[in-house]
Amino acid sequence: NDTVISTTPILLDDAGALLRTLDDPARLWLLLLDLMAR
């Protein structure tokens, strides 16, 4: 569980990059899945 909890804050670091692509949904979803796969 400690490892799972430690992965959750990564979302905060990635949220800024995702928000910057809101005007381009195609790039937004690709970036989202890239981060998830990582």
Full PDB file with SEQRES, HELIX, SHEET, SSBOND, CRYST1, ORIGX, SCALE, CONECT and MASTER records, all heavy atoms in Angstrom:
SEQRES   1 A   38  ASN ASP THR VAL ILE SER THR THR PRO ILE LEU LEU ASP          
SEQRES   2 A   38  ASP ALA GLY ALA LEU LEU ARG THR LEU ASP ASP PRO ALA          
SEQRES   3 A   38  ARG LEU TRP LEU LEU LEU LEU ASP LEU MET ALA ARG              
HELIX    1 AA1 ASP A    2  THR A    7  1                                   6    
HELIX    2 AA2 ILE A   10  LEU A   19  1                                  10    
HELIX    3 AA3 PRO A   25  ALA A   37  1                                  13    
CRYST1    1.000    1.000    1.000  90.00  90.00  90.00 P 1           1          
ORIGX1      1.000000  0.000000  0.000000        0.00000                         
ORIGX2      0.000000  1.000000  0.000000        0.00000                         
ORIGX3      0.000000  0.000000  1.000000        0.00000                         
SCALE1      1.000000  0.000000  0.000000        0.00000                         
SCALE2      0.000000  1.000000  0.000000        0.00000                         
SCALE3      0.000000  0.000000  1.000000        0.00000                         
ATOM      1  N   ASN A   1       0.818  -1.215   0.000  1.00  0.00           N  
ATOM      2  CA  ASN A   1       0.000   0.000   0.000  1.00  0.00           C  
ATOM      3  C   ASN A   1       0.850   1.263   0.000  1.00  0.00           C  
ATOM      4  O   ASN A   1       0.447   2.278  -0.566  1.00  0.00           O  
ATOM      5  CB  ASN A   1      -0.934  -0.008   1.217  1.00  0.00           C  
ATOM      6  CG  ASN A   1      -2.029  -1.064   1.078  1.00  0.00           C  
ATOM      7  OD1 ASN A   1      -2.370  -1.446  -0.039  1.00  0.00           O  
ATOM      8  ND2 ASN A   1      -2.546  -1.519   2.199  1.00  0.00           N  
ATOM      9  N   ASP A   2       2.015   1.229   0.672  1.00  0.00           N  
ATOM     10  CA  ASP A   2       2.850   2.430   0.708  1.00  0.00           C  
ATOM     11  C   ASP A   2       3.292   2.831  -0.697  1.00  0.00           C  
ATOM     12  O   ASP A   2       3.339   4.016  -1.036  1.00  0.00           O  
ATOM     13  CB  ASP A   2       4.082   2.182   1.596  1.00  0.00           C  
ATOM     14  CG  ASP A   2       3.695   2.090   3.061  1.00  0.00           C  
ATOM     15  OD1 ASP A   2       2.619   2.615   3.425  1.00  0.00           O  
ATOM     16  OD2 ASP A   2       4.478   1.513   3.834  1.00  0.00           O  
ATOM     17  N   THR A   3       3.628   1.837  -1.513  1.00  0.00           N  
ATOM     18  CA  THR A   3       4.060   2.137  -2.878  1.00  0.00           C  
ATOM     19  C   THR A   3       2.909   2.715  -3.692  1.00  0.00           C  
ATOM     20  O   THR A   3       3.079   3.650  -4.474  1.00  0.00           O  
ATOM     21  CB  THR A   3       4.596   0.859  -3.566  1.00  0.00           C  
ATOM     22  OG1 THR A   3       5.605   0.292  -2.756  1.00  0.00           O  
ATOM     23  CG2 THR A   3       5.147   1.187  -4.939  1.00  0.00           C  
ATOM     24  N   VAL A   4       1.684   2.163  -3.506  1.00  0.00           N  
ATOM     25  CA  VAL A   4       0.522   2.671  -4.219  1.00  0.00           C  
ATOM     26  C   VAL A   4       0.272   4.124  -3.863  1.00  0.00           C  
ATOM     27  O   VAL A   4       0.049   4.987  -4.711  1.00  0.00           O  
ATOM     28  CB  VAL A   4      -0.728   1.813  -3.899  1.00  0.00           C  
ATOM     29  CG1 VAL A   4      -1.974   2.457  -4.480  1.00  0.00           C  
ATOM     30  CG2 VAL A   4      -0.561   0.417  -4.438  1.00  0.00           C  
ATOM     31  N   ILE A   5       0.330   4.419  -2.545  1.00  0.00           N  
ATOM     32  CA  ILE A   5       0.091   5.794  -2.098  1.00  0.00           C  
ATOM     33  C   ILE A   5       1.146   6.734  -2.666  1.00  0.00           C  
ATOM     34  O   ILE A   5       0.857   7.862  -3.065  1.00  0.00           O  
ATOM     35  CB  ILE A   5       0.072   5.845  -0.554  1.00  0.00           C  
ATOM     36  CG1 ILE A   5      -1.148   5.082  -0.010  1.00  0.00           C  
ATOM     37  CG2 ILE A   5       0.033   7.287  -0.060  1.00  0.00           C  
ATOM     38  CD1 ILE A   5      -1.163   4.928   1.487  1.00  0.00           C  
ATOM     39  N   SER A   6       2.389   6.243  -2.769  1.00  0.00           N  
ATOM     40  CA  SER A   6       3.455   7.113  -3.257  1.00  0.00           C  
ATOM     41  C   SER A   6       3.304   7.446  -4.726  1.00  0.00           C  
ATOM     42  O   SER A   6       3.856   8.431  -5.207  1.00  0.00           O  
ATOM     43  CB  SER A   6       4.821   6.456  -3.009  1.00  0.00           C  
ATOM     44  OG  SER A   6       4.971   5.322  -3.853  1.00  0.00           O  
ATOM     45  N   THR A   7       2.587   6.631  -5.477  1.00  0.00           N  
ATOM     46  CA  THR A   7       2.407   6.920  -6.898  1.00  0.00           C  
ATOM     47  C   THR A   7       1.340   7.974  -7.143  1.00  0.00           C  
ATOM     48  O   THR A   7       1.343   8.641  -8.167  1.00  0.00           O  
ATOM     49  CB  THR A   7       2.020   5.647  -7.681  1.00  0.00           C  
ATOM     50  OG1 THR A   7       0.751   5.190  -7.219  1.00  0.00           O  
ATOM     51  CG2 THR A   7       3.066   4.573  -7.523  1.00  0.00           C  
ATOM     52  N   THR A   8       0.404   8.131  -6.195  1.00  0.00           N  
ATOM     53  CA  THR A   8      -0.717   9.032  -6.410  1.00  0.00           C  
ATOM     54  C   THR A   8      -0.302  10.484  -6.579  1.00  0.00           C  
ATOM     55  O   THR A   8      -0.818  11.177  -7.454  1.00  0.00           O  
ATOM     56  CB  THR A   8      -1.736   8.879  -5.264  1.00  0.00           C  
ATOM     57  OG1 THR A   8      -2.103   7.516  -5.142  1.00  0.00           O  
ATOM     58  CG2 THR A   8      -2.970   9.735  -5.527  1.00  0.00           C  
ATOM     59  N   PRO A   9       0.634  11.052  -5.797  1.00  0.00           N  
ATOM     60  CA  PRO A   9       1.013  12.452  -5.983  1.00  0.00           C  
ATOM     61  C   PRO A   9       1.605  12.770  -7.350  1.00  0.00           C  
ATOM     62  O   PRO A   9       1.688  13.939  -7.720  1.00  0.00           O  
ATOM     63  CB  PRO A   9       2.042  12.686  -4.877  1.00  0.00           C  
ATOM     64  CG  PRO A   9       1.714  11.670  -3.834  1.00  0.00           C  
ATOM     65  CD  PRO A   9       1.263  10.474  -4.603  1.00  0.00           C  
ATOM     66  N   ILE A  10       2.024  11.741  -8.100  1.00  0.00           N  
ATOM     67  CA  ILE A  10       2.545  12.001  -9.439  1.00  0.00           C  
ATOM     68  C   ILE A  10       1.508  12.726 -10.282  1.00  0.00           C  
ATOM     69  O   ILE A  10       1.829  13.521 -11.151  1.00  0.00           O  
ATOM     70  CB  ILE A  10       2.972  10.668 -10.119  1.00  0.00           C  
ATOM     71  CG1 ILE A  10       4.166  10.073  -9.376  1.00  0.00           C  
ATOM     72  CG2 ILE A  10       3.296  10.869 -11.587  1.00  0.00           C  
ATOM     73  CD1 ILE A  10       4.592   8.717  -9.887  1.00  0.00           C  
ATOM     74  N   LEU A  11       0.234  12.502  -9.980  1.00  0.00           N  
ATOM     75  CA  LEU A  11      -0.827  13.159 -10.722  1.00  0.00           C  
ATOM     76  C   LEU A  11      -0.720  14.674 -10.627  1.00  0.00           C  
ATOM     77  O   LEU A  11      -1.009  15.382 -11.576  1.00  0.00           O  
ATOM     78  CB  LEU A  11      -2.194  12.695 -10.208  1.00  0.00           C  
ATOM     79  CG  LEU A  11      -2.519  11.210 -10.357  1.00  0.00           C  
ATOM     80  CD1 LEU A  11      -3.848  10.910  -9.694  1.00  0.00           C  
ATOM     81  CD2 LEU A  11      -2.560  10.824 -11.814  1.00  0.00           C  
ATOM     82  N   LEU A  12      -0.319  15.187  -9.487  1.00  0.00           N  
ATOM     83  CA  LEU A  12      -0.205  16.632  -9.310  1.00  0.00           C  
ATOM     84  C   LEU A  12       0.875  17.208 -10.215  1.00  0.00           C  
ATOM     85  O   LEU A  12       0.722  18.302 -10.765  1.00  0.00           O  
ATOM     86  CB  LEU A  12       0.093  16.943  -7.843  1.00  0.00           C  
ATOM     87  CG  LEU A  12      -0.973  16.476  -6.834  1.00  0.00           C  
ATOM     88  CD1 LEU A  12      -0.509  16.767  -5.416  1.00  0.00           C  
ATOM     89  CD2 LEU A  12      -2.302  17.156  -7.109  1.00  0.00           C  
ATOM     90  N   ASP A  13       1.976  16.486 -10.374  1.00  0.00           N  
ATOM     91  CA  ASP A  13       3.058  16.967 -11.229  1.00  0.00           C  
ATOM     92  C   ASP A  13       2.654  16.962 -12.706  1.00  0.00           C  
ATOM     93  O   ASP A  13       3.086  17.813 -13.487  1.00  0.00           O  
ATOM     94  CB  ASP A  13       4.310  16.105 -11.027  1.00  0.00           C  
ATOM     95  CG  ASP A  13       4.833  16.170  -9.600  1.00  0.00           C  
ATOM     96  OD1 ASP A  13       4.619  17.224  -8.959  1.00  0.00           O  
ATOM     97  OD2 ASP A  13       5.407  15.178  -9.130  1.00  0.00           O  
ATOM     98  N   ASP A  14       1.841  15.974 -13.088  1.00  0.00           N  
ATOM     99  CA  ASP A  14       1.478  15.834 -14.495  1.00  0.00           C  
ATOM    100  C   ASP A  14       0.280  16.693 -14.892  1.00  0.00           C  
ATOM    101  O   ASP A  14       0.061  16.954 -16.076  1.00  0.00           O  
ATOM    102  CB  ASP A  14       1.128  14.373 -14.811  1.00  0.00           C  
ATOM    103  CG  ASP A  14       2.319  13.452 -14.626  1.00  0.00           C  
ATOM    104  OD1 ASP A  14       3.450  13.910 -14.877  1.00  0.00           O  
ATOM    105  OD2 ASP A  14       2.113  12.292 -14.238  1.00  0.00           O  
ATOM    106  N   ALA A  15      -0.499  17.129 -13.905  1.00  0.00           N  
ATOM    107  CA  ALA A  15      -1.732  17.854 -14.217  1.00  0.00           C  
ATOM    108  C   ALA A  15      -1.462  19.125 -15.008  1.00  0.00           C  
ATOM    109  O   ALA A  15      -2.218  19.474 -15.921  1.00  0.00           O  
ATOM    110  CB  ALA A  15      -2.488  18.178 -12.929  1.00  0.00           C  
ATOM    111  N   GLY A  16      -0.357  19.842 -14.678  1.00  0.00           N  
ATOM    112  CA  GLY A  16      -0.054  21.083 -15.387  1.00  0.00           C  
ATOM    113  C   GLY A  16       0.167  20.856 -16.866  1.00  0.00           C  
ATOM    114  O   GLY A  16      -0.363  21.594 -17.709  1.00  0.00           O  
ATOM    115  N   ALA A  17       0.942  19.809 -17.217  1.00  0.00           N  
ATOM    116  CA  ALA A  17       1.189  19.511 -18.629  1.00  0.00           C  
ATOM    117  C   ALA A  17      -0.107  19.153 -19.343  1.00  0.00           C  
ATOM    118  O   ALA A  17      -0.332  19.545 -20.497  1.00  0.00           O  
ATOM    119  CB  ALA A  17       2.194  18.374 -18.755  1.00  0.00           C  
ATOM    120  N   LEU A  18      -0.995  18.441 -18.659  1.00  0.00           N  
ATOM    121  CA  LEU A  18      -2.264  18.071 -19.275  1.00  0.00           C  
ATOM    122  C   LEU A  18      -3.156  19.282 -19.494  1.00  0.00           C  
ATOM    123  O   LEU A  18      -3.791  19.423 -20.541  1.00  0.00           O  
ATOM    124  CB  LEU A  18      -2.981  17.037 -18.391  1.00  0.00           C  
ATOM    125  CG  LEU A  18      -2.329  15.654 -18.341  1.00  0.00           C  
ATOM    126  CD1 LEU A  18      -2.895  14.838 -17.182  1.00  0.00           C  
ATOM    127  CD2 LEU A  18      -2.546  14.906 -19.652  1.00  0.00           C  
ATOM    128  N   LEU A  19      -3.210  20.166 -18.519  1.00  0.00           N  
ATOM    129  CA  LEU A  19      -4.069  21.343 -18.642  1.00  0.00           C  
ATOM    130  C   LEU A  19      -3.629  22.247 -19.786  1.00  0.00           C  
ATOM    131  O   LEU A  19      -4.451  22.926 -20.396  1.00  0.00           O  
ATOM    132  CB  LEU A  19      -4.077  22.123 -17.327  1.00  0.00           C  
ATOM    133  CG  LEU A  19      -4.811  21.441 -16.163  1.00  0.00           C  
ATOM    134  CD1 LEU A  19      -4.613  22.231 -14.884  1.00  0.00           C  
ATOM    135  CD2 LEU A  19      -6.299  21.291 -16.478  1.00  0.00           C  
ATOM    136  N   ARG A  20      -2.340  22.246 -20.074  1.00  0.00           N  
ATOM    137  CA  ARG A  20      -1.849  23.101 -21.162  1.00  0.00           C  
ATOM    138  C   ARG A  20      -2.277  22.602 -22.539  1.00  0.00           C  
ATOM    139  O   ARG A  20      -2.107  23.304 -23.533  1.00  0.00           O  
ATOM    140  CB  ARG A  20      -0.324  23.212 -21.085  1.00  0.00           C  
ATOM    141  CG  ARG A  20       0.171  24.100 -19.950  1.00  0.00           C  
ATOM    142  CD  ARG A  20       1.657  24.397 -20.074  1.00  0.00           C  
ATOM    143  NE  ARG A  20       2.486  23.218 -19.898  1.00  0.00           N  
ATOM    144  CZ  ARG A  20       2.928  22.776 -18.700  1.00  0.00           C  
ATOM    145  NH1 ARG A  20       2.595  23.448 -17.596  1.00  0.00           N  
ATOM    146  NH2 ARG A  20       3.682  21.712 -18.617  1.00  0.00           N  
ATOM    147  N   THR A  21      -2.801  21.384 -22.621  1.00  0.00           N  
ATOM    148  CA  THR A  21      -3.231  20.823 -23.914  1.00  0.00           C  
ATOM    149  C   THR A  21      -4.759  20.783 -24.048  1.00  0.00           C  
ATOM    150  O   THR A  21      -5.277  20.119 -24.943  1.00  0.00           O  
ATOM    151  CB  THR A  21      -2.671  19.399 -24.102  1.00  0.00           C  
ATOM    152  OG1 THR A  21      -3.199  18.541 -23.074  1.00  0.00           O  
ATOM    153  CG2 THR A  21      -1.163  19.387 -24.036  1.00  0.00           C  
ATOM    154  N   LEU A  22      -5.496  21.489 -23.203  1.00  0.00           N  
ATOM    155  CA  LEU A  22      -6.957  21.439 -23.241  1.00  0.00           C  
ATOM    156  C   LEU A  22      -7.523  21.907 -24.577  1.00  0.00           C  
ATOM    157  O   LEU A  22      -8.601  21.476 -24.995  1.00  0.00           O  
ATOM    158  CB  LEU A  22      -7.545  22.289 -22.114  1.00  0.00           C  
ATOM    159  CG  LEU A  22      -7.522  21.669 -20.705  1.00  0.00           C  
ATOM    160  CD1 LEU A  22      -8.060  22.661 -19.694  1.00  0.00           C  
ATOM    161  CD2 LEU A  22      -8.333  20.375 -20.663  1.00  0.00           C  
ATOM    162  N   ASP A  23      -6.815  22.826 -25.251  1.00  0.00           N  
ATOM    163  CA  ASP A  23      -7.313  23.333 -26.530  1.00  0.00           C  
ATOM    164  C   ASP A  23      -7.085  22.359 -27.680  1.00  0.00           C  
ATOM    165  O   ASP A  23      -7.550  22.596 -28.795  1.00  0.00           O  
ATOM    166  CB  ASP A  23      -6.641  24.667 -26.864  1.00  0.00           C  
ATOM    167  CG  ASP A  23      -7.096  25.784 -25.929  1.00  0.00           C  
ATOM    168  OD1 ASP A  23      -8.269  25.744 -25.512  1.00  0.00           O  
ATOM    169  OD2 ASP A  23      -6.285  26.661 -25.611  1.00  0.00           O  
ATOM    170  N   ASP A  24      -6.355  21.286 -27.434  1.00  0.00           N  
ATOM    171  CA  ASP A  24      -6.065  20.295 -28.467  1.00  0.00           C  
ATOM    172  C   ASP A  24      -6.396  18.916 -27.899  1.00  0.00           C  
ATOM    173  O   ASP A  24      -5.532  18.214 -27.397  1.00  0.00           O  
ATOM    174  CB  ASP A  24      -4.593  20.371 -28.880  1.00  0.00           C  
ATOM    175  CG  ASP A  24      -4.267  19.489 -30.075  1.00  0.00           C  
ATOM    176  OD1 ASP A  24      -5.141  18.687 -30.467  1.00  0.00           O  
ATOM    177  OD2 ASP A  24      -3.150  19.605 -30.610  1.00  0.00           O  
ATOM    178  N   PRO A  25      -7.682  18.503 -27.960  1.00  0.00           N  
ATOM    179  CA  PRO A  25      -8.092  17.244 -27.330  1.00  0.00           C  
ATOM    180  C   PRO A  25      -7.299  16.026 -27.800  1.00  0.00           C  
ATOM    181  O   PRO A  25      -7.031  15.126 -26.995  1.00  0.00           O  
ATOM    182  CB  PRO A  25      -9.570  17.124 -27.715  1.00  0.00           C  
ATOM    183  CG  PRO A  25     -10.017  18.526 -27.934  1.00  0.00           C  
ATOM    184  CD  PRO A  25      -8.838  19.229 -28.520  1.00  0.00           C  
ATOM    185  N   ALA A  26      -6.925  15.974 -29.092  1.00  0.00           N  
ATOM    186  CA  ALA A  26      -6.168  14.819 -29.588  1.00  0.00           C  
ATOM    187  C   ALA A  26      -4.847  14.674 -28.824  1.00  0.00           C  
ATOM    188  O   ALA A  26      -4.478  13.579 -28.383  1.00  0.00           O  
ATOM    189  CB  ALA A  26      -5.913  14.969 -31.082  1.00  0.00           C  
ATOM    190  N   ARG A  27      -4.125  15.782 -28.650  1.00  0.00           N  
ATOM    191  CA  ARG A  27      -2.871  15.753 -27.887  1.00  0.00           C  
ATOM    192  C   ARG A  27      -3.136  15.471 -26.416  1.00  0.00           C  
ATOM    193  O   ARG A  27      -2.364  14.775 -25.751  1.00  0.00           O  
ATOM    194  CB  ARG A  27      -2.139  17.089 -28.028  1.00  0.00           C  
ATOM    195  CG  ARG A  27      -1.454  17.298 -29.365  1.00  0.00           C  
ATOM    196  CD  ARG A  27      -0.679  18.595 -29.361  1.00  0.00           C  
ATOM    197  NE  ARG A  27       0.306  18.618 -28.281  1.00  0.00           N  
ATOM    198  CZ  ARG A  27       0.724  19.723 -27.669  1.00  0.00           C  
ATOM    199  NH1 ARG A  27       0.222  20.904 -28.007  1.00  0.00           N  
ATOM    200  NH2 ARG A  27       1.623  19.652 -26.708  1.00  0.00           N  
ATOM    201  N   LEU A  28      -4.223  16.020 -25.892  1.00  0.00           N  
ATOM    202  CA  LEU A  28      -4.562  15.830 -24.484  1.00  0.00           C  
ATOM    203  C   LEU A  28      -4.704  14.357 -24.144  1.00  0.00           C  
ATOM    204  O   LEU A  28      -4.104  13.859 -23.184  1.00  0.00           O  
ATOM    205  CB  LEU A  28      -5.862  16.575 -24.178  1.00  0.00           C  
ATOM    206  CG  LEU A  28      -6.500  16.312 -22.800  1.00  0.00           C  
ATOM    207  CD1 LEU A  28      -5.605  16.830 -21.689  1.00  0.00           C  
ATOM    208  CD2 LEU A  28      -7.891  16.949 -22.720  1.00  0.00           C  
ATOM    209  N   TRP A  29      -5.504  13.639 -24.959  1.00  0.00           N  
ATOM    210  CA  TRP A  29      -5.751  12.231 -24.626  1.00  0.00           C  
ATOM    211  C   TRP A  29      -4.506  11.380 -24.847  1.00  0.00           C  
ATOM    212  O   TRP A  29      -4.266  10.433 -24.089  1.00  0.00           O  
ATOM    213  CB  TRP A  29      -6.923  11.714 -25.450  1.00  0.00           C  
ATOM    214  CG  TRP A  29      -8.179  12.501 -25.293  1.00  0.00           C  
ATOM    215  CD1 TRP A  29      -9.016  12.937 -26.286  1.00  0.00           C  
ATOM    216  CD2 TRP A  29      -8.765  12.972 -24.068  1.00  0.00           C  
ATOM    217  NE1 TRP A  29     -10.065  13.643 -25.763  1.00  0.00           N  
ATOM    218  CE2 TRP A  29      -9.944  13.680 -24.405  1.00  0.00           C  
ATOM    219  CE3 TRP A  29      -8.404  12.872 -22.728  1.00  0.00           C  
ATOM    220  CZ2 TRP A  29     -10.752  14.275 -23.447  1.00  0.00           C  
ATOM    221  CZ3 TRP A  29      -9.220  13.466 -21.764  1.00  0.00           C  
ATOM    222  CH2 TRP A  29     -10.371  14.158 -22.121  1.00  0.00           C  
ATOM    223  N   LEU A  30      -3.719  11.685 -25.863  1.00  0.00           N  
ATOM    224  CA  LEU A  30      -2.476  10.936 -26.072  1.00  0.00           C  
ATOM    225  C   LEU A  30      -1.522  11.130 -24.900  1.00  0.00           C  
ATOM    226  O   LEU A  30      -0.893  10.176 -24.425  1.00  0.00           O  
ATOM    227  CB  LEU A  30      -1.809  11.367 -27.379  1.00  0.00           C  
ATOM    228  CG  LEU A  30      -2.469  10.888 -28.676  1.00  0.00           C  
ATOM    229  CD1 LEU A  30      -1.778  11.514 -29.877  1.00  0.00           C  
ATOM    230  CD2 LEU A  30      -2.426   9.370 -28.775  1.00  0.00           C  
ATOM    231  N   LEU A  31      -1.391  12.364 -24.434  1.00  0.00           N  
ATOM    232  CA  LEU A  31      -0.512  12.632 -23.300  1.00  0.00           C  
ATOM    233  C   LEU A  31      -1.021  11.929 -22.048  1.00  0.00           C  
ATOM    234  O   LEU A  31      -0.234  11.359 -21.280  1.00  0.00           O  
ATOM    235  CB  LEU A  31      -0.422  14.144 -23.069  1.00  0.00           C  
ATOM    236  CG  LEU A  31       0.421  14.604 -21.872  1.00  0.00           C  
ATOM    237  CD1 LEU A  31       1.849  14.077 -21.982  1.00  0.00           C  
ATOM    238  CD2 LEU A  31       0.399  16.125 -21.753  1.00  0.00           C  
ATOM    239  N   LEU A  32      -2.335  11.959 -21.834  1.00  0.00           N  
ATOM    240  CA  LEU A  32      -2.900  11.286 -20.674  1.00  0.00           C  
ATOM    241  C   LEU A  32      -2.551   9.801 -20.663  1.00  0.00           C  
ATOM    242  O   LEU A  32      -2.105   9.246 -19.646  1.00  0.00           O  
ATOM    243  CB  LEU A  32      -4.419  11.480 -20.657  1.00  0.00           C  
ATOM    244  CG  LEU A  32      -5.171  10.722 -19.557  1.00  0.00           C  
ATOM    245  CD1 LEU A  32      -4.835  11.297 -18.185  1.00  0.00           C  
ATOM    246  CD2 LEU A  32      -6.675  10.759 -19.800  1.00  0.00           C  
ATOM    247  N   LEU A  33      -2.744   9.136 -21.800  1.00  0.00           N  
ATOM    248  CA  LEU A  33      -2.459   7.701 -21.858  1.00  0.00           C  
ATOM    249  C   LEU A  33      -0.965   7.421 -21.788  1.00  0.00           C  
ATOM    250  O   LEU A  33      -0.549   6.393 -21.240  1.00  0.00           O  
ATOM    251  CB  LEU A  33      -3.067   7.098 -23.125  1.00  0.00           C  
ATOM    252  CG  LEU A  33      -4.606   7.111 -23.217  1.00  0.00           C  
ATOM    253  CD1 LEU A  33      -5.076   6.219 -24.358  1.00  0.00           C  
ATOM    254  CD2 LEU A  33      -5.243   6.652 -21.911  1.00  0.00           C  
ATOM    255  N   ASP A  34      -0.140   8.308 -22.357  1.00  0.00           N  
ATOM    256  CA  ASP A  34       1.312   8.144 -22.224  1.00  0.00           C  
ATOM    257  C   ASP A  34       1.718   8.144 -20.752  1.00  0.00           C  
ATOM    258  O   ASP A  34       2.532   7.321 -20.304  1.00  0.00           O  
ATOM    259  CB  ASP A  34       2.040   9.269 -22.962  1.00  0.00           C  
ATOM    260  CG  ASP A  34       2.102   9.039 -24.460  1.00  0.00           C  
ATOM    261  OD1 ASP A  34       1.899   7.890 -24.883  1.00  0.00           O  
ATOM    262  OD2 ASP A  34       2.348  10.005 -25.206  1.00  0.00           O  
ATOM    263  N   LEU A  35       1.169   9.077 -20.006  1.00  0.00           N  
ATOM    264  CA  LEU A  35       1.496   9.162 -18.581  1.00  0.00           C  
ATOM    265  C   LEU A  35       0.978   7.945 -17.819  1.00  0.00           C  
ATOM    266  O   LEU A  35       1.660   7.412 -16.944  1.00  0.00           O  
ATOM    267  CB  LEU A  35       0.913  10.448 -17.996  1.00  0.00           C  
ATOM    268  CG  LEU A  35       1.538  11.756 -18.504  1.00  0.00           C  
ATOM    269  CD1 LEU A  35       0.711  12.950 -18.039  1.00  0.00           C  
ATOM    270  CD2 LEU A  35       2.979  11.877 -18.028  1.00  0.00           C  
ATOM    271  N   MET A  36      -0.227   7.509 -18.168  1.00  0.00           N  
ATOM    272  CA  MET A  36      -0.783   6.326 -17.509  1.00  0.00           C  
ATOM    273  C   MET A  36       0.061   5.087 -17.786  1.00  0.00           C  
ATOM    274  O   MET A  36       0.346   4.299 -16.881  1.00  0.00           O  
ATOM    275  CB  MET A  36      -2.219   6.103 -17.981  1.00  0.00           C  
ATOM    276  CG  MET A  36      -3.217   7.096 -17.435  1.00  0.00           C  
ATOM    277  SD  MET A  36      -4.887   6.791 -18.063  1.00  0.00           S  
ATOM    278  CE  MET A  36      -5.115   5.090 -17.608  1.00  0.00           C  
ATOM    279  N   ALA A  37       0.459   4.916 -19.054  1.00  0.00           N  
ATOM    280  CA  ALA A  37       1.280   3.757 -19.408  1.00  0.00           C  
ATOM    281  C   ALA A  37       2.632   3.799 -18.709  1.00  0.00           C  
ATOM    282  O   ALA A  37       3.224   2.754 -18.417  1.00  0.00           O  
ATOM    283  CB  ALA A  37       1.470   3.706 -20.920  1.00  0.00           C  
ATOM    284  N   ARG A  38       3.117   5.019 -18.406  1.00  0.00           N  
ATOM    285  CA  ARG A  38       4.403   5.163 -17.724  1.00  0.00           C  
ATOM    286  C   ARG A  38       4.293   4.830 -16.239  1.00  0.00           C  
ATOM    287  O   ARG A  38       5.209   4.267 -15.651  1.00  0.00           O  
ATOM    288  CB  ARG A  38       4.908   6.585 -17.908  1.00  0.00           C  
ATOM    289  CG  ARG A  38       6.319   6.836 -17.385  1.00  0.00           C  
ATOM    290  CD  ARG A  38       6.676   8.307 -17.493  1.00  0.00           C  
ATOM    291  NE  ARG A  38       6.405   8.825 -18.842  1.00  0.00           N  
ATOM    292  CZ  ARG A  38       6.356  10.124 -19.125  1.00  0.00           C  
ATOM    293  NH1 ARG A  38       6.543  11.028 -18.159  1.00  0.00           N  
ATOM    294  NH2 ARG A  38       6.124  10.522 -20.363  1.00  0.00           N  
TER     295      ARG A  38                                                      
MASTER        0    0    0    3    0    0    0    6  294    1    0    3          
END                                                                             
